[in-house]
Amino acid sequence: MTDQTSQILVVDDDMMARMATAQCVKQQGHSVTMAEGGAQALELLGAQAFNLVLLDLKMPDMDGFDVLEQMQGDEKLRQIPVLVVSGSDQSDSIDRCIELGAVGHIAKPVDPEALIAQVNASLVECSG
């Protein structure tokens, strides 16, 4: 785990998935803010600082690809690492996420140990 508390944004339209992911990250001592969709996520990203975004791909209002594209178009937001957390295991979707700036992918259902490993690696990589 990192030495200081990180601010993490969890974005998922599925309340149960969002809560489970947030709880897992909170147990590691991080602060978590949750968003139900892409539009809300972008609002929050514009209003406060985050160290990491955990982003679902398939959401009704604005999908994860659109969020990644918006973040890449904003000089401030493109600096925030994004881990895509999605049921989509299609290699073309994962490749597209990486091309759009995501630092990694975690498949649903989320394995808590894999999630924490990816979160910690992303936070260390981006702070160093």
Foldseek 3Di string as FASTA:
>chain_A
DDPDAFEEEEEALDPVQSVVLCVLNVVVVHHYDYDNHLVVVVVVVVVDDGQEYEAEADDDPAGPLRSLQVQLVDPVSLLHEYEYEYQDPDPVVQVSSVVSRHPYYAHPVGDSVVSVVVVVVSNVVSVD
